[in-house]
Amino acid sequence: MQAFTDARGEDTADELWLVEHEPVFTLGQAGRPEHVLAAGDIPVVHVDRGGQVTYHGPGQIVAYPLLDLRRLKLGVRDYVCRIEQAVIDTLAAWNIEGARKPGAPGVYVDGAKIAALGIRVRHGCCFHGLAFNVAMDLEPFHRINPCGYAGLEVVAMSGLGGPGGLAPVKQELLQALAGNLGLRLRPGSDALPGVHLPQHTGL
């Protein structure tokens, strides 16, 4: 992400990476190590996004939009709101009501966090992104203060009547991201216009 963002020019096509990580805790730039309570056998990786500590693991969609926000005429706050709205719209497809929480980026269901957001913007272009809990083991979240909040409850779609796999959620999320960012899906393709989806992502 860093290399792609640093090397891109005005005409570089945007990319959207969808991945499913092996178990890992990531700690943002201003992240406080004391929010990692008991990592155990799960590695802790320091990353250059905003935010505190979160967990990534199997059964979670991690979306990394690598977009030229200047070209899309989006400010950072507007971009964050649109990404959150894409998750809210995706949840609605399964009759799950997602919501924002003032001062705490991400998406929540009845006060429990279902999607975490951590981004970085460099030269008007964004990287890092969104972690969306679909059908995953939530136990590792008890080993941290999620996003720096002690006792914050974390949920996944599968525990709320949602699907038990990533594929249908991935398709719905792509449609929602396209709609909220003002992009069109290419006919017969998962790719957004000007957005390349690598074939090695594992989703």
N, C-alpha and C. Protein backbone atom coordinates (compact mmCIF):
# COMPACT_ATOMS: atom_id res chain seq x y z
N MET A 1 0.82 -1.20 0.00
CA MET A 1 0.00 0.00 0.00
C MET A 1 0.86 1.26 0.00
N GLN A 2 1.89 1.25 0.85
CA GLN A 2 2.77 2.42 0.92
C GLN A 2 3.47 2.65 -0.42
N ALA A 3 4.03 1.56 -0.97
CA ALA A 3 4.78 1.68 -2.22
C ALA A 3 3.86 2.11 -3.36
N PHE A 4 2.67 1.53 -3.41
CA PHE A 4 1.72 1.88 -4.46
C PHE A 4 1.34 3.36 -4.36
N THR A 5 1.05 3.82 -3.14
CA THR A 5 0.63 5.20 -2.93
C THR A 5 1.76 6.17 -3.26
N ASP A 6 2.98 5.84 -2.86
CA ASP A 6 4.12 6.72 -3.12
C ASP A 6 4.48 6.80 -4.60
N ALA A 7 4.22 5.71 -5.33
CA ALA A 7 4.62 5.66 -6.73
C ALA A 7 3.56 6.17 -7.68
N ARG A 8 2.33 6.35 -7.20
CA ARG A 8 1.26 6.69 -8.13
C ARG A 8 1.36 8.13 -8.61
N GLY A 9 0.84 8.35 -9.82
CA GLY A 9 0.79 9.68 -10.40
C GLY A 9 -0.64 10.11 -10.61
N GLU A 10 -0.84 11.22 -11.30
CA GLU A 10 -2.18 11.76 -11.50
C GLU A 10 -3.09 10.81 -12.27
N ASP A 11 -2.49 10.00 -13.15
CA ASP A 11 -3.30 9.11 -14.00
C ASP A 11 -3.32 7.67 -13.51
N THR A 12 -2.70 7.40 -12.37
CA THR A 12 -2.68 6.04 -11.85
C THR A 12 -4.09 5.59 -11.48
N ALA A 13 -4.48 4.41 -11.95
CA ALA A 13 -5.80 3.88 -11.63
C ALA A 13 -5.88 3.54 -10.15
N ASP A 14 -7.03 3.78 -9.56
CA ASP A 14 -7.26 3.39 -8.18
C ASP A 14 -7.34 1.86 -8.08
N GLU A 15 -7.09 1.36 -6.89
CA GLU A 15 -7.22 -0.07 -6.64
C GLU A 15 -8.00 -0.29 -5.35
N LEU A 16 -8.67 -1.44 -5.28
CA LEU A 16 -9.37 -1.84 -4.07
C LEU A 16 -8.94 -3.26 -3.74
N TRP A 17 -8.25 -3.41 -2.64
CA TRP A 17 -7.77 -4.73 -2.22
C TRP A 17 -8.72 -5.28 -1.17
N LEU A 18 -9.21 -6.49 -1.39
CA LEU A 18 -10.02 -7.20 -0.40
C LEU A 18 -9.21 -8.40 0.06
N VAL A 19 -8.99 -8.49 1.37
CA VAL A 19 -8.16 -9.58 1.89
C VAL A 19 -8.81 -10.20 3.12
N GLU A 20 -8.36 -11.39 3.45
CA GLU A 20 -8.74 -12.09 4.67
C GLU A 20 -7.43 -12.46 5.36
N HIS A 21 -7.14 -11.80 6.46
CA HIS A 21 -5.84 -11.95 7.12
C HIS A 21 -5.78 -13.20 8.00
N GLU A 22 -4.58 -13.70 8.18
CA GLU A 22 -4.31 -14.63 9.27
C GLU A 22 -4.40 -13.84 10.57
N PRO A 23 -4.57 -14.52 11.72
CA PRO A 23 -4.74 -13.79 12.99
C PRO A 23 -3.58 -12.82 13.25
N VAL A 24 -3.92 -11.56 13.51
CA VAL A 24 -2.92 -10.53 13.79
C VAL A 24 -3.60 -9.35 14.49
N PHE A 25 -2.91 -8.78 15.48
CA PHE A 25 -3.32 -7.51 16.06
C PHE A 25 -2.53 -6.41 15.38
N THR A 26 -3.19 -5.33 15.01
CA THR A 26 -2.47 -4.18 14.44
C THR A 26 -2.67 -2.98 15.33
N LEU A 27 -1.57 -2.25 15.54
CA LEU A 27 -1.56 -1.10 16.42
C LEU A 27 -1.23 0.13 15.57
N GLY A 28 -2.14 1.13 15.58
CA GLY A 28 -1.98 2.32 14.76
C GLY A 28 -0.85 3.21 15.22
N GLN A 29 -0.62 4.27 14.45
CA GLN A 29 0.50 5.17 14.70
C GLN A 29 0.54 5.71 16.13
N ALA A 30 -0.61 6.12 16.63
CA ALA A 30 -0.68 6.65 17.99
C ALA A 30 -1.13 5.59 18.98
N GLY A 31 -1.08 4.33 18.55
CA GLY A 31 -1.57 3.24 19.38
C GLY A 31 -0.77 3.08 20.67
N ARG A 32 -1.47 2.81 21.75
CA ARG A 32 -0.83 2.63 23.05
C ARG A 32 -0.70 1.14 23.35
N PRO A 33 0.52 0.66 23.58
CA PRO A 33 0.74 -0.77 23.80
C PRO A 33 -0.08 -1.35 24.95
N GLU A 34 -0.43 -0.52 25.94
CA GLU A 34 -1.19 -1.04 27.08
C GLU A 34 -2.60 -1.48 26.70
N HIS A 35 -3.05 -1.10 25.50
CA HIS A 35 -4.35 -1.57 25.04
C HIS A 35 -4.30 -3.01 24.53
N VAL A 36 -3.11 -3.56 24.39
CA VAL A 36 -2.95 -4.99 24.10
C VAL A 36 -2.80 -5.67 25.45
N LEU A 37 -3.85 -6.37 25.88
CA LEU A 37 -3.89 -6.92 27.23
C LEU A 37 -3.15 -8.24 27.35
N ALA A 38 -3.36 -9.12 26.38
CA ALA A 38 -2.74 -10.44 26.44
C ALA A 38 -2.74 -11.04 25.04
N ALA A 39 -1.76 -10.66 24.22
CA ALA A 39 -1.74 -11.07 22.82
C ALA A 39 -1.58 -12.58 22.66
N GLY A 40 -0.90 -13.22 23.60
CA GLY A 40 -0.69 -14.67 23.50
C GLY A 40 0.10 -15.02 22.26
N ASP A 41 -0.42 -15.97 21.48
CA ASP A 41 0.29 -16.45 20.30
C ASP A 41 -0.02 -15.65 19.04
N ILE A 42 -0.79 -14.57 19.17
CA ILE A 42 -1.14 -13.74 18.02
C ILE A 42 -0.16 -12.58 17.92
N PRO A 43 0.51 -12.40 16.77
CA PRO A 43 1.49 -11.32 16.65
C PRO A 43 0.85 -9.94 16.71
N VAL A 44 1.63 -8.98 17.18
CA VAL A 44 1.22 -7.57 17.21
C VAL A 44 2.09 -6.81 16.22
N VAL A 45 1.46 -6.15 15.25
CA VAL A 45 2.19 -5.44 14.20
C VAL A 45 1.85 -3.95 14.28
N HIS A 46 2.89 -3.11 14.33
CA HIS A 46 2.70 -1.67 14.30
C HIS A 46 2.52 -1.22 12.85
N VAL A 47 1.49 -0.45 12.58
CA VAL A 47 1.18 -0.02 11.22
C VAL A 47 0.99 1.50 11.20
N ASP A 48 1.04 2.08 9.99
CA ASP A 48 1.01 3.54 9.86
C ASP A 48 -0.37 4.08 9.53
N ARG A 49 -1.40 3.50 10.12
CA ARG A 49 -2.75 4.04 9.98
C ARG A 49 -3.11 4.82 11.24
N GLY A 50 -4.26 5.48 11.20
CA GLY A 50 -4.78 6.10 12.40
C GLY A 50 -5.42 5.05 13.29
N GLY A 51 -5.75 5.44 14.50
CA GLY A 51 -6.47 4.55 15.40
C GLY A 51 -5.56 3.78 16.34
N GLN A 52 -6.21 3.01 17.22
CA GLN A 52 -5.52 2.24 18.23
C GLN A 52 -5.35 0.79 17.77
N VAL A 53 -5.64 -0.16 18.64
CA VAL A 53 -5.42 -1.57 18.32
C VAL A 53 -6.71 -2.22 17.84
N THR A 54 -6.58 -3.12 16.87
CA THR A 54 -7.71 -3.95 16.45
C THR A 54 -7.18 -5.32 16.08
N TYR A 55 -8.11 -6.22 15.80
CA TYR A 55 -7.77 -7.60 15.45
C TYR A 55 -8.26 -7.90 14.05
N HIS A 56 -7.42 -8.62 13.29
CA HIS A 56 -7.82 -9.15 11.99
C HIS A 56 -7.67 -10.67 12.02
N GLY A 57 -8.60 -11.36 11.40
CA GLY A 57 -8.51 -12.82 11.36
C GLY A 57 -9.46 -13.41 10.35
N PRO A 58 -9.40 -14.73 10.17
CA PRO A 58 -10.29 -15.43 9.23
C PRO A 58 -11.75 -15.13 9.53
N GLY A 59 -12.52 -14.98 8.46
CA GLY A 59 -13.94 -14.66 8.61
C GLY A 59 -14.24 -13.18 8.67
N GLN A 60 -13.23 -12.37 8.43
CA GLN A 60 -13.38 -10.91 8.43
C GLN A 60 -12.95 -10.37 7.07
N ILE A 61 -13.76 -9.50 6.48
CA ILE A 61 -13.36 -8.84 5.24
C ILE A 61 -12.57 -7.59 5.60
N VAL A 62 -11.35 -7.50 5.08
CA VAL A 62 -10.55 -6.30 5.23
C VAL A 62 -10.46 -5.66 3.85
N ALA A 63 -10.96 -4.43 3.75
CA ALA A 63 -10.98 -3.72 2.47
C ALA A 63 -9.99 -2.56 2.54
N TYR A 64 -9.08 -2.52 1.57
CA TYR A 64 -8.10 -1.45 1.48
C TYR A 64 -8.38 -0.64 0.20
N PRO A 65 -9.16 0.42 0.28
CA PRO A 65 -9.35 1.28 -0.90
C PRO A 65 -8.12 2.17 -1.09
N LEU A 66 -7.50 2.07 -2.24
CA LEU A 66 -6.34 2.90 -2.58
C LEU A 66 -6.81 3.89 -3.63
N LEU A 67 -7.32 5.01 -3.15
CA LEU A 67 -8.04 5.95 -4.00
C LEU A 67 -7.38 7.32 -4.01
N ASP A 68 -7.50 8.00 -5.13
CA ASP A 68 -7.08 9.40 -5.24
C ASP A 68 -8.26 10.26 -4.83
N LEU A 69 -8.27 10.69 -3.58
CA LEU A 69 -9.41 11.45 -3.07
C LEU A 69 -9.58 12.79 -3.77
N ARG A 70 -8.48 13.36 -4.23
CA ARG A 70 -8.57 14.63 -4.96
C ARG A 70 -9.34 14.43 -6.25
N ARG A 71 -9.04 13.34 -6.95
CA ARG A 71 -9.72 13.07 -8.22
C ARG A 71 -11.21 12.80 -8.00
N LEU A 72 -11.52 12.17 -6.87
CA LEU A 72 -12.91 11.89 -6.53
C LEU A 72 -13.61 13.08 -5.88
N LYS A 73 -12.81 14.14 -5.62
CA LYS A 73 -13.33 15.36 -4.98
C LYS A 73 -13.96 15.04 -3.62
N LEU A 74 -13.24 14.24 -2.82
CA LEU A 74 -13.71 13.85 -1.50
C LEU A 74 -12.74 14.35 -0.43
N GLY A 75 -13.28 15.00 0.59
CA GLY A 75 -12.48 15.31 1.77
C GLY A 75 -12.39 14.09 2.66
N VAL A 76 -11.50 14.12 3.62
CA VAL A 76 -11.27 12.95 4.46
C VAL A 76 -12.52 12.59 5.26
N ARG A 77 -13.16 13.59 5.86
CA ARG A 77 -14.35 13.29 6.66
C ARG A 77 -15.47 12.72 5.80
N ASP A 78 -15.67 13.27 4.62
CA ASP A 78 -16.69 12.76 3.71
C ASP A 78 -16.37 11.33 3.29
N TYR A 79 -15.09 11.07 3.00
CA TYR A 79 -14.67 9.72 2.63
C TYR A 79 -14.98 8.73 3.74
N VAL A 80 -14.64 9.08 4.97
CA VAL A 80 -14.90 8.19 6.11
C VAL A 80 -16.40 7.92 6.24
N CYS A 81 -17.21 8.95 6.11
CA CYS A 81 -18.67 8.78 6.20
C CYS A 81 -19.20 7.85 5.11
N ARG A 82 -18.64 7.98 3.91
CA ARG A 82 -19.11 7.14 2.80
C ARG A 82 -18.72 5.68 2.99
N ILE A 83 -17.52 5.44 3.53
CA ILE A 83 -17.11 4.07 3.80
C ILE A 83 -18.00 3.47 4.88
N GLU A 84 -18.26 4.23 5.93
CA GLU A 84 -19.17 3.75 6.98
C GLU A 84 -20.55 3.47 6.41
N GLN A 85 -21.04 4.35 5.54
CA GLN A 85 -22.37 4.16 4.96
C GLN A 85 -22.42 2.91 4.11
N ALA A 86 -21.33 2.59 3.43
CA ALA A 86 -21.29 1.36 2.63
C ALA A 86 -21.49 0.13 3.51
N VAL A 87 -20.89 0.15 4.70
CA VAL A 87 -21.08 -0.97 5.63
C VAL A 87 -22.52 -0.99 6.15
N ILE A 88 -23.05 0.18 6.48
CA ILE A 88 -24.44 0.26 6.96
C ILE A 88 -25.39 -0.27 5.89
N ASP A 89 -25.16 0.10 4.64
CA ASP A 89 -26.00 -0.38 3.54
C ASP A 89 -25.87 -1.89 3.36
N THR A 90 -24.66 -2.41 3.52
CA THR A 90 -24.44 -3.85 3.39
C THR A 90 -25.18 -4.61 4.48
N LEU A 91 -25.09 -4.13 5.70
CA LEU A 91 -25.81 -4.77 6.81
C LEU A 91 -27.31 -4.77 6.57
N ALA A 92 -27.82 -3.68 5.99
CA ALA A 92 -29.26 -3.56 5.76
C ALA A 92 -29.78 -4.64 4.82
N ALA A 93 -28.91 -5.15 3.95
CA ALA A 93 -29.33 -6.22 3.02
C ALA A 93 -29.71 -7.48 3.79
N TRP A 94 -29.24 -7.61 5.03
CA TRP A 94 -29.61 -8.74 5.89
C TRP A 94 -30.47 -8.26 7.07
N ASN A 95 -31.10 -7.11 6.91
CA ASN A 95 -31.98 -6.55 7.93
C ASN A 95 -31.29 -6.36 9.27
N ILE A 96 -30.01 -5.99 9.22
CA ILE A 96 -29.25 -5.66 10.41
C ILE A 96 -29.05 -4.15 10.40
N GLU A 97 -29.41 -3.50 11.49
CA GLU A 97 -29.35 -2.04 11.54
C GLU A 97 -28.01 -1.57 12.10
N GLY A 98 -27.18 -1.03 11.22
CA GLY A 98 -25.89 -0.48 11.62
C GLY A 98 -26.00 1.01 11.86
N ALA A 99 -25.09 1.54 12.68
CA ALA A 99 -25.13 2.97 13.00
C ALA A 99 -23.73 3.49 13.27
N ARG A 100 -23.58 4.80 13.13
CA ARG A 100 -22.35 5.47 13.53
C ARG A 100 -22.42 5.83 15.00
N LYS A 101 -21.26 6.10 15.59
CA LYS A 101 -21.20 6.58 16.96
C LYS A 101 -20.33 7.84 16.96
N PRO A 102 -20.86 8.99 17.41
CA PRO A 102 -20.09 10.24 17.38
C PRO A 102 -18.74 10.09 18.08
N GLY A 103 -17.70 10.54 17.40
CA GLY A 103 -16.36 10.53 17.98
C GLY A 103 -15.67 9.19 17.98
N ALA A 104 -16.32 8.16 17.44
CA ALA A 104 -15.74 6.82 17.43
C ALA A 104 -15.94 6.19 16.05
N PRO A 105 -15.02 6.43 15.12
CA PRO A 105 -15.20 5.94 13.75
C PRO A 105 -15.46 4.43 13.70
N GLY A 106 -16.26 4.03 12.74
CA GLY A 106 -16.62 2.63 12.58
C GLY A 106 -18.13 2.49 12.49
N VAL A 107 -18.58 1.23 12.52
CA VAL A 107 -20.02 0.95 12.45
C VAL A 107 -20.39 0.04 13.62
N TYR A 108 -21.55 0.32 14.21
CA TYR A 108 -21.99 -0.36 15.42
C TYR A 108 -23.39 -0.92 15.23
N VAL A 109 -23.68 -2.02 15.95
CA VAL A 109 -25.02 -2.59 15.99
C VAL A 109 -25.41 -2.68 17.47
N ASP A 110 -26.41 -1.91 17.85
CA ASP A 110 -26.83 -1.85 19.26
C ASP A 110 -25.65 -1.57 20.19
N GLY A 111 -24.76 -0.68 19.77
CA GLY A 111 -23.64 -0.28 20.58
C GLY A 111 -22.41 -1.16 20.49
N ALA A 112 -22.53 -2.31 19.83
CA ALA A 112 -21.40 -3.22 19.67
C ALA A 112 -20.75 -3.00 18.31
N LYS A 113 -19.43 -3.02 18.26
CA LYS A 113 -18.71 -2.69 17.02
C LYS A 113 -18.68 -3.88 16.07
N ILE A 114 -19.06 -3.63 14.83
CA ILE A 114 -19.04 -4.68 13.81
C ILE A 114 -18.03 -4.37 12.70
N ALA A 115 -17.61 -3.12 12.60
CA ALA A 115 -16.63 -2.73 11.59
C ALA A 115 -15.73 -1.62 12.14
N ALA A 116 -14.42 -1.83 11.99
CA ALA A 116 -13.44 -0.83 12.44
C ALA A 116 -12.86 -0.12 11.22
N LEU A 117 -12.49 1.14 11.42
CA LEU A 117 -11.98 1.95 10.32
C LEU A 117 -10.69 2.62 10.75
N GLY A 118 -9.66 2.48 9.93
CA GLY A 118 -8.39 3.15 10.19
C GLY A 118 -7.74 3.49 8.86
N ILE A 119 -7.51 4.76 8.59
CA ILE A 119 -7.00 5.16 7.27
C ILE A 119 -5.76 6.02 7.41
N ARG A 120 -5.11 6.21 6.29
CA ARG A 120 -3.99 7.14 6.18
C ARG A 120 -4.14 7.84 4.84
N VAL A 121 -3.88 9.14 4.81
CA VAL A 121 -3.93 9.89 3.56
C VAL A 121 -2.57 10.53 3.34
N ARG A 122 -2.02 10.30 2.15
CA ARG A 122 -0.73 10.86 1.78
C ARG A 122 -0.83 11.46 0.39
N HIS A 123 -0.46 12.73 0.24
CA HIS A 123 -0.52 13.42 -1.05
C HIS A 123 -1.92 13.32 -1.67
N GLY A 124 -2.94 13.38 -0.83
CA GLY A 124 -4.31 13.35 -1.33
C GLY A 124 -4.83 11.98 -1.67
N CYS A 125 -4.05 10.94 -1.40
CA CYS A 125 -4.45 9.57 -1.72
C CYS A 125 -4.54 8.74 -0.43
N CYS A 126 -5.56 7.89 -0.34
CA CYS A 126 -5.79 7.14 0.89
C CYS A 126 -5.31 5.70 0.76
N PHE A 127 -4.94 5.15 1.91
CA PHE A 127 -4.65 3.71 2.00
C PHE A 127 -5.03 3.24 3.40
N HIS A 128 -4.80 1.96 3.70
CA HIS A 128 -5.42 1.27 4.84
C HIS A 128 -6.93 1.29 4.61
N GLY A 129 -7.76 1.05 5.64
CA GLY A 129 -9.18 1.03 5.34
C GLY A 129 -10.06 0.45 6.41
N LEU A 130 -10.75 -0.65 6.07
CA LEU A 130 -11.92 -1.12 6.80
C LEU A 130 -11.77 -2.60 7.16
N ALA A 131 -12.16 -2.95 8.39
CA ALA A 131 -12.23 -4.35 8.82
C ALA A 131 -13.66 -4.64 9.24
N PHE A 132 -14.30 -5.60 8.57
CA PHE A 132 -15.74 -5.87 8.68
C PHE A 132 -15.93 -7.31 9.18
N ASN A 133 -16.49 -7.46 10.37
CA ASN A 133 -16.65 -8.78 10.99
C ASN A 133 -17.86 -9.50 10.39
N VAL A 134 -17.59 -10.59 9.70
CA VAL A 134 -18.67 -11.32 9.03
C VAL A 134 -18.99 -12.62 9.76
N ALA A 135 -18.05 -13.56 9.77
CA ALA A 135 -18.29 -14.87 10.40
C ALA A 135 -16.96 -15.33 10.99
N MET A 136 -16.62 -14.80 12.15
CA MET A 136 -15.29 -15.02 12.71
C MET A 136 -15.34 -15.35 14.19
N ASP A 137 -14.25 -15.91 14.68
CA ASP A 137 -14.07 -16.15 16.10
C ASP A 137 -13.75 -14.80 16.76
N LEU A 138 -14.58 -14.37 17.67
CA LEU A 138 -14.42 -13.05 18.30
C LEU A 138 -13.56 -13.09 19.56
N GLU A 139 -13.13 -14.27 19.98
CA GLU A 139 -12.37 -14.38 21.23
C GLU A 139 -11.15 -13.47 21.29
N PRO A 140 -10.36 -13.32 20.20
CA PRO A 140 -9.18 -12.46 20.30
C PRO A 140 -9.48 -11.02 20.67
N PHE A 141 -10.69 -10.54 20.40
CA PHE A 141 -11.02 -9.17 20.79
C PHE A 141 -11.02 -8.99 22.31
N HIS A 142 -11.18 -10.10 23.05
CA HIS A 142 -11.13 -10.01 24.51
C HIS A 142 -9.70 -9.85 25.01
N ARG A 143 -8.73 -10.01 24.15
CA ARG A 143 -7.33 -9.87 24.52
C ARG A 143 -6.83 -8.43 24.37
N ILE A 144 -7.70 -7.55 23.89
CA ILE A 144 -7.33 -6.15 23.67
C ILE A 144 -8.45 -5.24 24.16
N ASN A 145 -8.14 -3.95 24.23
CA ASN A 145 -9.18 -2.93 24.35
C ASN A 145 -9.48 -2.48 22.93
N PRO A 146 -10.52 -3.02 22.29
CA PRO A 146 -10.75 -2.73 20.87
C PRO A 146 -10.81 -1.24 20.57
N CYS A 147 -9.97 -0.80 19.66
CA CYS A 147 -9.92 0.60 19.26
C CYS A 147 -9.64 1.52 20.44
N GLY A 148 -9.03 0.96 21.51
CA GLY A 148 -8.67 1.76 22.67
C GLY A 148 -9.76 1.89 23.72
N TYR A 149 -10.88 1.15 23.57
CA TYR A 149 -12.00 1.26 24.51
C TYR A 149 -12.11 -0.02 25.34
N ALA A 150 -11.82 0.09 26.62
CA ALA A 150 -11.91 -1.07 27.51
C ALA A 150 -13.35 -1.57 27.58
N GLY A 151 -13.52 -2.87 27.40
CA GLY A 151 -14.84 -3.47 27.53
C GLY A 151 -15.77 -3.28 26.35
N LEU A 152 -15.27 -2.70 25.24
CA LEU A 152 -16.12 -2.50 24.07
C LEU A 152 -16.55 -3.86 23.50
N GLU A 153 -17.85 -4.05 23.37
CA GLU A 153 -18.37 -5.29 22.80
C GLU A 153 -18.17 -5.28 21.29
N VAL A 154 -17.81 -6.45 20.76
CA VAL A 154 -17.60 -6.62 19.32
C VAL A 154 -18.50 -7.75 18.83
N VAL A 155 -19.13 -7.56 17.68
CA VAL A 155 -20.04 -8.57 17.13
C VAL A 155 -19.67 -8.87 15.68
N ALA A 156 -20.23 -9.95 15.16
CA ALA A 156 -20.07 -10.33 13.75
C ALA A 156 -21.44 -10.58 13.15
N MET A 157 -21.54 -10.46 11.83
CA MET A 157 -22.82 -10.63 11.15
C MET A 157 -23.44 -12.00 11.41
N SER A 158 -22.60 -13.04 11.46
CA SER A 158 -23.12 -14.39 11.61
C SER A 158 -23.88 -14.57 12.93
N GLY A 159 -23.53 -13.78 13.94
CA GLY A 159 -24.23 -13.86 15.22
C GLY A 159 -25.48 -13.01 15.27
N LEU A 160 -25.78 -12.31 14.18
CA LEU A 160 -26.93 -11.41 14.13
C LEU A 160 -27.92 -11.82 13.04
N GLY A 161 -27.82 -13.08 12.61
CA GLY A 161 -28.70 -13.57 11.55
C GLY A 161 -28.15 -13.37 10.16
N GLY A 162 -26.90 -12.94 10.06
CA GLY A 162 -26.26 -12.76 8.76
C GLY A 162 -25.66 -14.05 8.22
N PRO A 163 -25.02 -13.99 7.07
CA PRO A 163 -24.48 -15.19 6.43
C PRO A 163 -23.28 -15.76 7.18
N GLY A 164 -23.01 -17.04 6.92
CA GLY A 164 -21.89 -17.71 7.56
C GLY A 164 -20.65 -17.73 6.71
N GLY A 165 -20.64 -17.02 5.59
CA GLY A 165 -19.48 -16.97 4.70
C GLY A 165 -19.27 -15.58 4.16
N LEU A 166 -18.09 -15.36 3.57
CA LEU A 166 -17.72 -14.03 3.10
C LEU A 166 -18.26 -13.68 1.72
N ALA A 167 -18.45 -14.66 0.85
CA ALA A 167 -18.73 -14.37 -0.56
C ALA A 167 -19.94 -13.45 -0.77
N PRO A 168 -21.11 -13.75 -0.19
CA PRO A 168 -22.25 -12.86 -0.46
C PRO A 168 -22.05 -11.46 0.12
N VAL A 169 -21.35 -11.37 1.24
CA VAL A 169 -21.11 -10.06 1.85
C VAL A 169 -20.14 -9.26 1.00
N LYS A 170 -19.12 -9.94 0.46
CA LYS A 170 -18.16 -9.25 -0.40
C LYS A 170 -18.86 -8.60 -1.58
N GLN A 171 -19.76 -9.34 -2.24
CA GLN A 171 -20.46 -8.79 -3.40
C GLN A 171 -21.33 -7.59 -3.01
N GLU A 172 -22.02 -7.71 -1.88
CA GLU A 172 -22.90 -6.62 -1.44
C GLU A 172 -22.06 -5.40 -1.05
N LEU A 173 -20.91 -5.64 -0.41
CA LEU A 173 -20.05 -4.54 0.01
C LEU A 173 -19.48 -3.81 -1.20
N LEU A 174 -19.09 -4.55 -2.24
CA LEU A 174 -18.58 -3.91 -3.45
C LEU A 174 -19.63 -2.99 -4.06
N GLN A 175 -20.87 -3.49 -4.13
CA GLN A 175 -21.95 -2.66 -4.68
C GLN A 175 -22.15 -1.41 -3.84
N ALA A 176 -22.10 -1.57 -2.51
CA ALA A 176 -22.32 -0.44 -1.62
C ALA A 176 -21.18 0.57 -1.70
N LEU A 177 -19.95 0.08 -1.78
CA LEU A 177 -18.82 0.99 -1.93
C LEU A 177 -18.92 1.78 -3.23
N ALA A 178 -19.28 1.08 -4.32
CA ALA A 178 -19.43 1.75 -5.61
C ALA A 178 -20.49 2.83 -5.54
N GLY A 179 -21.63 2.51 -4.95
CA GLY A 179 -22.71 3.47 -4.88
C GLY A 179 -22.36 4.69 -4.04
N ASN A 180 -21.71 4.45 -2.90
CA ASN A 180 -21.40 5.56 -2.00
C ASN A 180 -20.23 6.41 -2.47
N LEU A 181 -19.36 5.83 -3.28
CA LEU A 181 -18.22 6.59 -3.79
C LEU A 181 -18.46 7.15 -5.19
N GLY A 182 -19.66 6.91 -5.73
CA GLY A 182 -19.99 7.44 -7.04
C GLY A 182 -19.29 6.73 -8.18
N LEU A 183 -19.02 5.45 -8.02
CA LEU A 183 -18.37 4.65 -9.05
C LEU A 183 -19.34 3.63 -9.62
N ARG A 184 -19.02 3.10 -10.78
CA ARG A 184 -19.87 2.08 -11.41
C ARG A 184 -19.11 0.77 -11.49
N LEU A 185 -19.81 -0.33 -11.25
CA LEU A 185 -19.21 -1.64 -11.42
C LEU A 185 -19.06 -1.94 -12.90
N ARG A 186 -17.97 -2.55 -13.28
CA ARG A 186 -17.81 -2.98 -14.67
C ARG A 186 -18.74 -4.15 -14.95
N PRO A 187 -19.41 -4.17 -16.08
CA PRO A 187 -20.29 -5.29 -16.42
C PRO A 187 -19.50 -6.60 -16.44
N GLY A 188 -20.06 -7.58 -15.76
CA GLY A 188 -19.44 -8.90 -15.78
C GLY A 188 -18.16 -8.99 -14.99
N SER A 189 -17.92 -8.04 -14.07
CA SER A 189 -16.68 -8.04 -13.31
C SER A 189 -16.94 -7.53 -11.92
N ASP A 190 -16.10 -8.00 -10.96
CA ASP A 190 -16.16 -7.48 -9.60
C ASP A 190 -15.49 -6.11 -9.51
N ALA A 191 -14.73 -5.77 -10.53
CA ALA A 191 -13.87 -4.58 -10.42
C ALA A 191 -14.68 -3.30 -10.58
N LEU A 192 -14.27 -2.31 -9.83
CA LEU A 192 -14.80 -0.97 -10.02
C LEU A 192 -14.04 -0.29 -11.14
N PRO A 193 -14.65 0.68 -11.85
CA PRO A 193 -13.94 1.33 -12.94
C PRO A 193 -12.66 1.98 -12.44
N GLY A 194 -11.58 1.63 -13.09
CA GLY A 194 -10.31 2.16 -12.69
C GLY A 194 -9.76 1.53 -11.43
N VAL A 195 -10.47 0.51 -10.92
CA VAL A 195 -10.03 -0.14 -9.70
C VAL A 195 -9.67 -1.58 -10.02
N HIS A 196 -8.48 -1.97 -9.67
CA HIS A 196 -7.99 -3.31 -9.95
C HIS A 196 -8.12 -4.17 -8.70
N LEU A 197 -8.75 -5.32 -8.82
CA LEU A 197 -8.85 -6.25 -7.71
C LEU A 197 -7.82 -7.37 -7.93
N PRO A 198 -6.74 -7.41 -7.14
CA PRO A 198 -5.73 -8.43 -7.34
C PRO A 198 -6.32 -9.83 -7.23
N GLN A 199 -5.78 -10.76 -8.00
CA GLN A 199 -6.31 -12.12 -8.02
C GLN A 199 -5.83 -12.97 -6.84
N HIS A 200 -4.87 -12.46 -6.05
CA HIS A 200 -4.28 -13.26 -4.98
C HIS A 200 -4.84 -12.90 -3.61
N THR A 201 -5.96 -12.21 -3.56
CA THR A 201 -6.43 -11.71 -2.27
C THR A 201 -7.03 -12.80 -1.40
N GLY A 202 -7.50 -13.89 -1.96
CA GLY A 202 -8.02 -14.96 -1.15
C GLY A 202 -9.49 -14.84 -0.82
N LEU A 203 -10.18 -13.85 -1.38
CA LEU A 203 -11.61 -13.74 -1.14
C LEU A 203 -12.38 -14.21 -2.38
